[in-house]
Amino acid sequence: TSGLPERLGLATLVTGNTTDFRLAGDTCSA
């Protein structure tokens, strides 16, 4: 929503029960 580009890093699952969740269709990372 800003007037400038935003630099995005890698979307990552951290802490807890990470094996129960998964990522797909990521158009944001890097």
Full PDB file with SEQRES, HELIX, SHEET, SSBOND, CRYST1, ORIGX, SCALE, CONECT and MASTER records, all heavy atoms in Angstrom:
SEQRES   1 A   30  THR SER GLY LEU PRO GLU ARG LEU GLY LEU ALA THR LEU          
SEQRES   2 A   30  VAL THR GLY ASN THR THR ASP PHE ARG LEU ALA GLY ASP          
SEQRES   3 A   30  THR CYS SER ALA                                              
HELIX    1 AA1 THR A   18  ASP A   20  5                                   3    
CRYST1    1.000    1.000    1.000  90.00  90.00  90.00 P 1           1          
ORIGX1      1.000000  0.000000  0.000000        0.00000                         
ORIGX2      0.000000  1.000000  0.000000        0.00000                         
ORIGX3      0.000000  0.000000  1.000000        0.00000                         
SCALE1      1.000000  0.000000  0.000000        0.00000                         
SCALE2      0.000000  1.000000  0.000000        0.00000                         
SCALE3      0.000000  0.000000  1.000000        0.00000                         
ATOM      1  N   THR A   1       0.813  -1.217   0.000  1.00  0.00           N  
ATOM      2  CA  THR A   1       0.000   0.000   0.000  1.00  0.00           C  
ATOM      3  C   THR A   1       0.848   1.269   0.000  1.00  0.00           C  
ATOM      4  O   THR A   1       0.306   2.367   0.074  1.00  0.00           O  
ATOM      5  CB  THR A   1      -0.930   0.015   1.227  1.00  0.00           C  
ATOM      6  OG1 THR A   1      -0.140  -0.085   2.422  1.00  0.00           O  
ATOM      7  CG2 THR A   1      -1.912  -1.145   1.179  1.00  0.00           C  
ATOM      8  N   SER A   2       2.162   1.110  -0.090  1.00  0.00           N  
ATOM      9  CA  SER A   2       3.050   2.280  -0.069  1.00  0.00           C  
ATOM     10  C   SER A   2       3.279   2.790  -1.491  1.00  0.00           C  
ATOM     11  O   SER A   2       2.814   2.201  -2.464  1.00  0.00           O  
ATOM     12  CB  SER A   2       4.389   1.915   0.576  1.00  0.00           C  
ATOM     13  OG  SER A   2       5.169   1.129  -0.310  1.00  0.00           O  
ATOM     14  N   GLY A   3       4.022   3.862  -1.603  1.00  0.00           N  
ATOM     15  CA  GLY A   3       4.356   4.410  -2.920  1.00  0.00           C  
ATOM     16  C   GLY A   3       5.709   3.960  -3.426  1.00  0.00           C  
ATOM     17  O   GLY A   3       6.190   4.468  -4.444  1.00  0.00           O  
ATOM     18  N   LEU A   4       6.331   2.993  -2.731  1.00  0.00           N  
ATOM     19  CA  LEU A   4       7.660   2.516  -3.102  1.00  0.00           C  
ATOM     20  C   LEU A   4       7.659   0.995  -3.194  1.00  0.00           C  
ATOM     21  O   LEU A   4       6.840   0.326  -2.550  1.00  0.00           O  
ATOM     22  CB  LEU A   4       8.700   2.966  -2.062  1.00  0.00           C  
ATOM     23  CG  LEU A   4       8.903   4.472  -1.898  1.00  0.00           C  
ATOM     24  CD1 LEU A   4       9.803   4.746  -0.700  1.00  0.00           C  
ATOM     25  CD2 LEU A   4       9.484   5.083  -3.173  1.00  0.00           C  
ATOM     26  N   PRO A   5       8.580   0.414  -3.953  1.00  0.00           N  
ATOM     27  CA  PRO A   5       8.707  -1.056  -3.974  1.00  0.00           C  
ATOM     28  C   PRO A   5       9.119  -1.554  -2.591  1.00  0.00           C  
ATOM     29  O   PRO A   5       9.807  -0.860  -1.832  1.00  0.00           O  
ATOM     30  CB  PRO A   5       9.804  -1.308  -5.005  1.00  0.00           C  
ATOM     31  CG  PRO A   5       9.889  -0.055  -5.816  1.00  0.00           C  
ATOM     32  CD  PRO A   5       9.517   1.064  -4.894  1.00  0.00           C  
ATOM     33  N   GLU A   6       8.696  -2.781  -2.254  1.00  0.00           N  
ATOM     34  CA  GLU A   6       9.095  -3.416  -1.001  1.00  0.00           C  
ATOM     35  C   GLU A   6       9.937  -4.651  -1.310  1.00  0.00           C  
ATOM     36  O   GLU A   6       9.578  -5.463  -2.172  1.00  0.00           O  
ATOM     37  CB  GLU A   6       7.875  -3.820  -0.174  1.00  0.00           C  
ATOM     38  CG  GLU A   6       7.136  -2.623   0.419  1.00  0.00           C  
ATOM     39  CD  GLU A   6       6.118  -3.047   1.459  1.00  0.00           C  
ATOM     40  OE1 GLU A   6       5.347  -3.993   1.173  1.00  0.00           O  
ATOM     41  OE2 GLU A   6       6.087  -2.449   2.543  1.00  0.00           O  
ATOM     42  N   ARG A   7      11.054  -4.785  -0.608  1.00  0.00           N  
ATOM     43  CA  ARG A   7      11.946  -5.926  -0.777  1.00  0.00           C  
ATOM     44  C   ARG A   7      11.495  -7.055   0.151  1.00  0.00           C  
ATOM     45  O   ARG A   7      11.400  -6.871   1.368  1.00  0.00           O  
ATOM     46  CB  ARG A   7      13.384  -5.528  -0.454  1.00  0.00           C  
ATOM     47  CG  ARG A   7      13.999  -4.531  -1.443  1.00  0.00           C  
ATOM     48  CD  ARG A   7      15.372  -4.060  -1.007  1.00  0.00           C  
ATOM     49  NE  ARG A   7      15.290  -3.211   0.187  1.00  0.00           N  
ATOM     50  CZ  ARG A   7      15.668  -3.579   1.389  1.00  0.00           C  
ATOM     51  NH1 ARG A   7      16.169  -4.800   1.582  1.00  0.00           N  
ATOM     52  NH2 ARG A   7      15.564  -2.745   2.416  1.00  0.00           N  
ATOM     53  N   LEU A   8      11.219  -8.208  -0.442  1.00  0.00           N  
ATOM     54  CA  LEU A   8      10.692  -9.336   0.318  1.00  0.00           C  
ATOM     55  C   LEU A   8      11.737 -10.443   0.417  1.00  0.00           C  
ATOM     56  O   LEU A   8      12.421 -10.753  -0.560  1.00  0.00           O  
ATOM     57  CB  LEU A   8       9.437  -9.901  -0.357  1.00  0.00           C  
ATOM     58  CG  LEU A   8       8.329  -8.894  -0.710  1.00  0.00           C  
ATOM     59  CD1 LEU A   8       7.141  -9.628  -1.322  1.00  0.00           C  
ATOM     60  CD2 LEU A   8       7.902  -8.098   0.512  1.00  0.00           C  
ATOM     61  N   GLY A   9      11.843 -11.028   1.602  1.00  0.00           N  
ATOM     62  CA  GLY A   9      12.719 -12.178   1.799  1.00  0.00           C  
ATOM     63  C   GLY A   9      11.953 -13.473   1.613  1.00  0.00           C  
ATOM     64  O   GLY A   9      10.873 -13.512   1.008  1.00  0.00           O  
ATOM     65  N   LEU A  10      12.495 -14.563   2.148  1.00  0.00           N  
ATOM     66  CA  LEU A  10      11.906 -15.885   1.970  1.00  0.00           C  
ATOM     67  C   LEU A  10      10.815 -16.138   3.008  1.00  0.00           C  
ATOM     68  O   LEU A  10      11.032 -15.947   4.219  1.00  0.00           O  
ATOM     69  CB  LEU A  10      12.972 -16.967   2.101  1.00  0.00           C  
ATOM     70  CG  LEU A  10      14.047 -17.011   1.013  1.00  0.00           C  
ATOM     71  CD1 LEU A  10      15.071 -18.104   1.342  1.00  0.00           C  
ATOM     72  CD2 LEU A  10      13.430 -17.261  -0.351  1.00  0.00           C  
ATOM     73  N   ALA A  11       9.642 -16.544   2.532  1.00  0.00           N  
ATOM     74  CA  ALA A  11       8.577 -16.984   3.440  1.00  0.00           C  
ATOM     75  C   ALA A  11       8.994 -18.321   4.053  1.00  0.00           C  
ATOM     76  O   ALA A  11       9.358 -19.262   3.335  1.00  0.00           O  
ATOM     77  CB  ALA A  11       7.270 -17.138   2.680  1.00  0.00           C  
ATOM     78  N   THR A  12       8.932 -18.418   5.391  1.00  0.00           N  
ATOM     79  CA  THR A  12       9.478 -19.584   6.084  1.00  0.00           C  
ATOM     80  C   THR A  12       8.586 -19.957   7.261  1.00  0.00           C  
ATOM     81  O   THR A  12       8.037 -19.088   7.939  1.00  0.00           O  
ATOM     82  CB  THR A  12      10.897 -19.284   6.615  1.00  0.00           C  
ATOM     83  OG1 THR A  12      11.701 -18.793   5.545  1.00  0.00           O  
ATOM     84  CG2 THR A  12      11.533 -20.531   7.191  1.00  0.00           C  
ATOM     85  N   LEU A  13       8.459 -21.258   7.504  1.00  0.00           N  
ATOM     86  CA  LEU A  13       7.801 -21.752   8.704  1.00  0.00           C  
ATOM     87  C   LEU A  13       8.838 -21.901   9.811  1.00  0.00           C  
ATOM     88  O   LEU A  13       9.874 -22.544   9.614  1.00  0.00           O  
ATOM     89  CB  LEU A  13       7.128 -23.101   8.438  1.00  0.00           C  
ATOM     90  CG  LEU A  13       5.976 -23.091   7.432  1.00  0.00           C  
ATOM     91  CD1 LEU A  13       5.579 -24.523   7.075  1.00  0.00           C  
ATOM     92  CD2 LEU A  13       4.782 -22.328   7.980  1.00  0.00           C  
ATOM     93  N   VAL A  14       8.570 -21.306  10.969  1.00  0.00           N  
ATOM     94  CA  VAL A  14       9.533 -21.356  12.070  1.00  0.00           C  
ATOM     95  C   VAL A  14       8.821 -21.762  13.354  1.00  0.00           C  
ATOM     96  O   VAL A  14       7.657 -21.450  13.562  1.00  0.00           O  
ATOM     97  CB  VAL A  14      10.245 -20.003  12.271  1.00  0.00           C  
ATOM     98  CG1 VAL A  14      11.016 -19.600  11.032  1.00  0.00           C  
ATOM     99  CG2 VAL A  14       9.253 -18.907  12.640  1.00  0.00           C  
ATOM    100  N   THR A  15       9.508 -22.465  14.210  1.00  0.00           N  
ATOM    101  CA  THR A  15       9.095 -22.873  15.555  1.00  0.00           C  
ATOM    102  C   THR A  15       7.846 -23.746  15.546  1.00  0.00           C  
ATOM    103  O   THR A  15       7.072 -23.760  14.599  1.00  0.00           O  
ATOM    104  CB  THR A  15       8.855 -21.676  16.501  1.00  0.00           C  
ATOM    105  OG1 THR A  15       7.610 -21.033  16.152  1.00  0.00           O  
ATOM    106  CG2 THR A  15       9.981 -20.672  16.421  1.00  0.00           C  
ATOM    107  N   GLY A  16       7.685 -24.470  16.659  1.00  0.00           N  
ATOM    108  CA  GLY A  16       6.474 -25.254  16.846  1.00  0.00           C  
ATOM    109  C   GLY A  16       6.422 -26.497  15.980  1.00  0.00           C  
ATOM    110  O   GLY A  16       7.434 -27.126  15.654  1.00  0.00           O  
ATOM    111  N   ASN A  17       5.194 -26.850  15.567  1.00  0.00           N  
ATOM    112  CA  ASN A  17       4.947 -28.094  14.827  1.00  0.00           C  
ATOM    113  C   ASN A  17       5.041 -27.847  13.331  1.00  0.00           C  
ATOM    114  O   ASN A  17       4.058 -27.970  12.586  1.00  0.00           O  
ATOM    115  CB  ASN A  17       3.568 -28.642  15.197  1.00  0.00           C  
ATOM    116  CG  ASN A  17       3.298 -28.647  16.694  1.00  0.00           C  
ATOM    117  OD1 ASN A  17       2.414 -27.949  17.161  1.00  0.00           O  
ATOM    118  ND2 ASN A  17       4.073 -29.408  17.440  1.00  0.00           N  
ATOM    119  N   THR A  18       6.227 -27.508  12.850  1.00  0.00           N  
ATOM    120  CA  THR A  18       6.391 -27.078  11.455  1.00  0.00           C  
ATOM    121  C   THR A  18       6.068 -28.186  10.459  1.00  0.00           C  
ATOM    122  O   THR A  18       5.665 -27.899   9.333  1.00  0.00           O  
ATOM    123  CB  THR A  18       7.831 -26.587  11.212  1.00  0.00           C  
ATOM    124  OG1 THR A  18       8.752 -27.613  11.593  1.00  0.00           O  
ATOM    125  CG2 THR A  18       8.112 -25.334  12.026  1.00  0.00           C  
ATOM    126  N   THR A  19       6.209 -29.469  10.841  1.00  0.00           N  
ATOM    127  CA  THR A  19       5.954 -30.541   9.890  1.00  0.00           C  
ATOM    128  C   THR A  19       4.470 -30.714   9.591  1.00  0.00           C  
ATOM    129  O   THR A  19       4.108 -31.403   8.634  1.00  0.00           O  
ATOM    130  CB  THR A  19       6.519 -31.873  10.405  1.00  0.00           C  
ATOM    131  OG1 THR A  19       5.919 -32.183  11.676  1.00  0.00           O  
ATOM    132  CG2 THR A  19       8.030 -31.792  10.559  1.00  0.00           C  
ATOM    133  N   ASP A  20       3.603 -30.109  10.375  1.00  0.00           N  
ATOM    134  CA  ASP A  20       2.161 -30.214  10.138  1.00  0.00           C  
ATOM    135  C   ASP A  20       1.666 -29.181   9.134  1.00  0.00           C  
ATOM    136  O   ASP A  20       0.505 -29.233   8.715  1.00  0.00           O  
ATOM    137  CB  ASP A  20       1.387 -30.020  11.448  1.00  0.00           C  
ATOM    138  CG  ASP A  20       1.621 -31.164  12.422  1.00  0.00           C  
ATOM    139  OD1 ASP A  20       2.781 -31.397  12.809  1.00  0.00           O  
ATOM    140  OD2 ASP A  20       0.649 -31.824  12.790  1.00  0.00           O  
ATOM    141  N   PHE A  21       2.515 -28.243   8.770  1.00  0.00           N  
ATOM    142  CA  PHE A  21       2.154 -27.173   7.851  1.00  0.00           C  
ATOM    143  C   PHE A  21       3.084 -27.216   6.643  1.00  0.00           C  
ATOM    144  O   PHE A  21       4.205 -27.696   6.732  1.00  0.00           O  
ATOM    145  CB  PHE A  21       2.241 -25.810   8.549  1.00  0.00           C  
ATOM    146  CG  PHE A  21       1.362 -25.697   9.762  1.00  0.00           C  
ATOM    147  CD1 PHE A  21       1.822 -26.090  11.013  1.00  0.00           C  
ATOM    148  CD2 PHE A  21       0.072 -25.211   9.656  1.00  0.00           C  
ATOM    149  CE1 PHE A  21       1.012 -25.998  12.138  1.00  0.00           C  
ATOM    150  CE2 PHE A  21      -0.744 -25.123  10.766  1.00  0.00           C  
ATOM    151  CZ  PHE A  21      -0.271 -25.518  12.010  1.00  0.00           C  
ATOM    152  N   ARG A  22       2.618 -26.697   5.518  1.00  0.00           N  
ATOM    153  CA  ARG A  22       3.456 -26.668   4.312  1.00  0.00           C  
ATOM    154  C   ARG A  22       3.115 -25.428   3.501  1.00  0.00           C  
ATOM    155  O   ARG A  22       2.022 -24.868   3.603  1.00  0.00           O  
ATOM    156  CB  ARG A  22       3.241 -27.929   3.485  1.00  0.00           C  
ATOM    157  CG  ARG A  22       1.819 -28.091   2.960  1.00  0.00           C  
ATOM    158  CD  ARG A  22       1.594 -29.449   2.323  1.00  0.00           C  
ATOM    159  NE  ARG A  22       1.551 -30.504   3.314  1.00  0.00           N  
ATOM    160  CZ  ARG A  22       1.306 -31.791   3.028  1.00  0.00           C  
ATOM    161  NH1 ARG A  22       1.103 -32.160   1.759  1.00  0.00           N  
ATOM    162  NH2 ARG A  22       1.267 -32.699   3.966  1.00  0.00           N  
ATOM    163  N   LEU A  23       4.084 -24.996   2.673  1.00  0.00           N  
ATOM    164  CA  LEU A  23       3.919 -23.814   1.833  1.00  0.00           C  
ATOM    165  C   LEU A  23       3.864 -24.227   0.370  1.00  0.00           C  
ATOM    166  O   LEU A  23       4.514 -25.178  -0.044  1.00  0.00           O  
ATOM    167  CB  LEU A  23       5.073 -22.832   2.050  1.00  0.00           C  
ATOM    168  CG  LEU A  23       5.309 -22.339   3.483  1.00  0.00           C  
ATOM    169  CD1 LEU A  23       6.466 -21.351   3.516  1.00  0.00           C  
ATOM    170  CD2 LEU A  23       4.049 -21.705   4.061  1.00  0.00           C  
ATOM    171  N   ALA A  24       3.093 -23.486  -0.413  1.00  0.00           N  
ATOM    172  CA  ALA A  24       2.992 -23.736  -1.853  1.00  0.00           C  
ATOM    173  C   ALA A  24       2.533 -22.445  -2.518  1.00  0.00           C  
ATOM    174  O   ALA A  24       2.057 -21.512  -1.863  1.00  0.00           O  
ATOM    175  CB  ALA A  24       2.011 -24.865  -2.153  1.00  0.00           C  
ATOM    176  N   GLY A  25       2.702 -22.373  -3.833  1.00  0.00           N  
ATOM    177  CA  GLY A  25       2.203 -21.222  -4.585  1.00  0.00           C  
ATOM    178  C   GLY A  25       2.757 -19.900  -4.095  1.00  0.00           C  
ATOM    179  O   GLY A  25       2.050 -18.881  -4.105  1.00  0.00           O  
ATOM    180  N   ASP A  26       4.008 -19.889  -3.687  1.00  0.00           N  
ATOM    181  CA  ASP A  26       4.621 -18.694  -3.113  1.00  0.00           C  
ATOM    182  C   ASP A  26       5.046 -17.734  -4.227  1.00  0.00           C  
ATOM    183  O   ASP A  26       5.989 -18.003  -4.973  1.00  0.00           O  
ATOM    184  CB  ASP A  26       5.828 -19.109  -2.267  1.00  0.00           C  
ATOM    185  CG  ASP A  26       6.551 -17.945  -1.623  1.00  0.00           C  
ATOM    186  OD1 ASP A  26       6.105 -16.796  -1.783  1.00  0.00           O  
ATOM    187  OD2 ASP A  26       7.566 -18.204  -0.945  1.00  0.00           O  
ATOM    188  N   THR A  27       4.341 -16.605  -4.338  1.00  0.00           N  
ATOM    189  CA  THR A  27       4.710 -15.572  -5.317  1.00  0.00           C  
ATOM    190  C   THR A  27       5.334 -14.363  -4.649  1.00  0.00           C  
ATOM    191  O   THR A  27       5.516 -13.328  -5.301  1.00  0.00           O  
ATOM    192  CB  THR A  27       3.485 -15.128  -6.132  1.00  0.00           C  
ATOM    193  OG1 THR A  27       2.533 -14.484  -5.260  1.00  0.00           O  
ATOM    194  CG2 THR A  27       2.819 -16.313  -6.824  1.00  0.00           C  
ATOM    195  N   CYS A  28       5.665 -14.492  -3.351  1.00  0.00           N  
ATOM    196  CA  CYS A  28       6.204 -13.354  -2.603  1.00  0.00           C  
ATOM    197  C   CYS A  28       7.711 -13.421  -2.387  1.00  0.00           C  
ATOM    198  O   CYS A  28       8.393 -12.391  -2.437  1.00  0.00           O  
ATOM    199  CB  CYS A  28       5.516 -13.264  -1.228  1.00  0.00           C  
ATOM    200  SG  CYS A  28       3.774 -12.786  -1.267  1.00  0.00           S  
ATOM    201  N   SER A  29       8.244 -14.593  -2.131  1.00  0.00           N  
ATOM    202  CA  SER A  29       9.618 -14.721  -1.645  1.00  0.00           C  
ATOM    203  C   SER A  29      10.651 -14.179  -2.632  1.00  0.00           C  
ATOM    204  O   SER A  29      10.545 -14.376  -3.850  1.00  0.00           O  
ATOM    205  CB  SER A  29       9.936 -16.191  -1.349  1.00  0.00           C  
ATOM    206  OG  SER A  29       9.259 -16.629  -0.197  1.00  0.00           O  
ATOM    207  N   ALA A  30      11.652 -13.500  -2.058  1.00  0.00           N  
ATOM    208  CA  ALA A  30      12.851 -13.060  -2.781  1.00  0.00           C  
ATOM    209  C   ALA A  30      12.511 -12.253  -4.026  1.00  0.00           C  
ATOM    210  O   ALA A  30      13.005 -12.519  -5.126  1.00  0.00           O  
ATOM    211  CB  ALA A  30      13.720 -14.261  -3.139  1.00  0.00           C  
TER     212      ALA A  30                                                      
MASTER        0    0    0    1    0    0    0    6  211    1    0    3          
END                                                                             
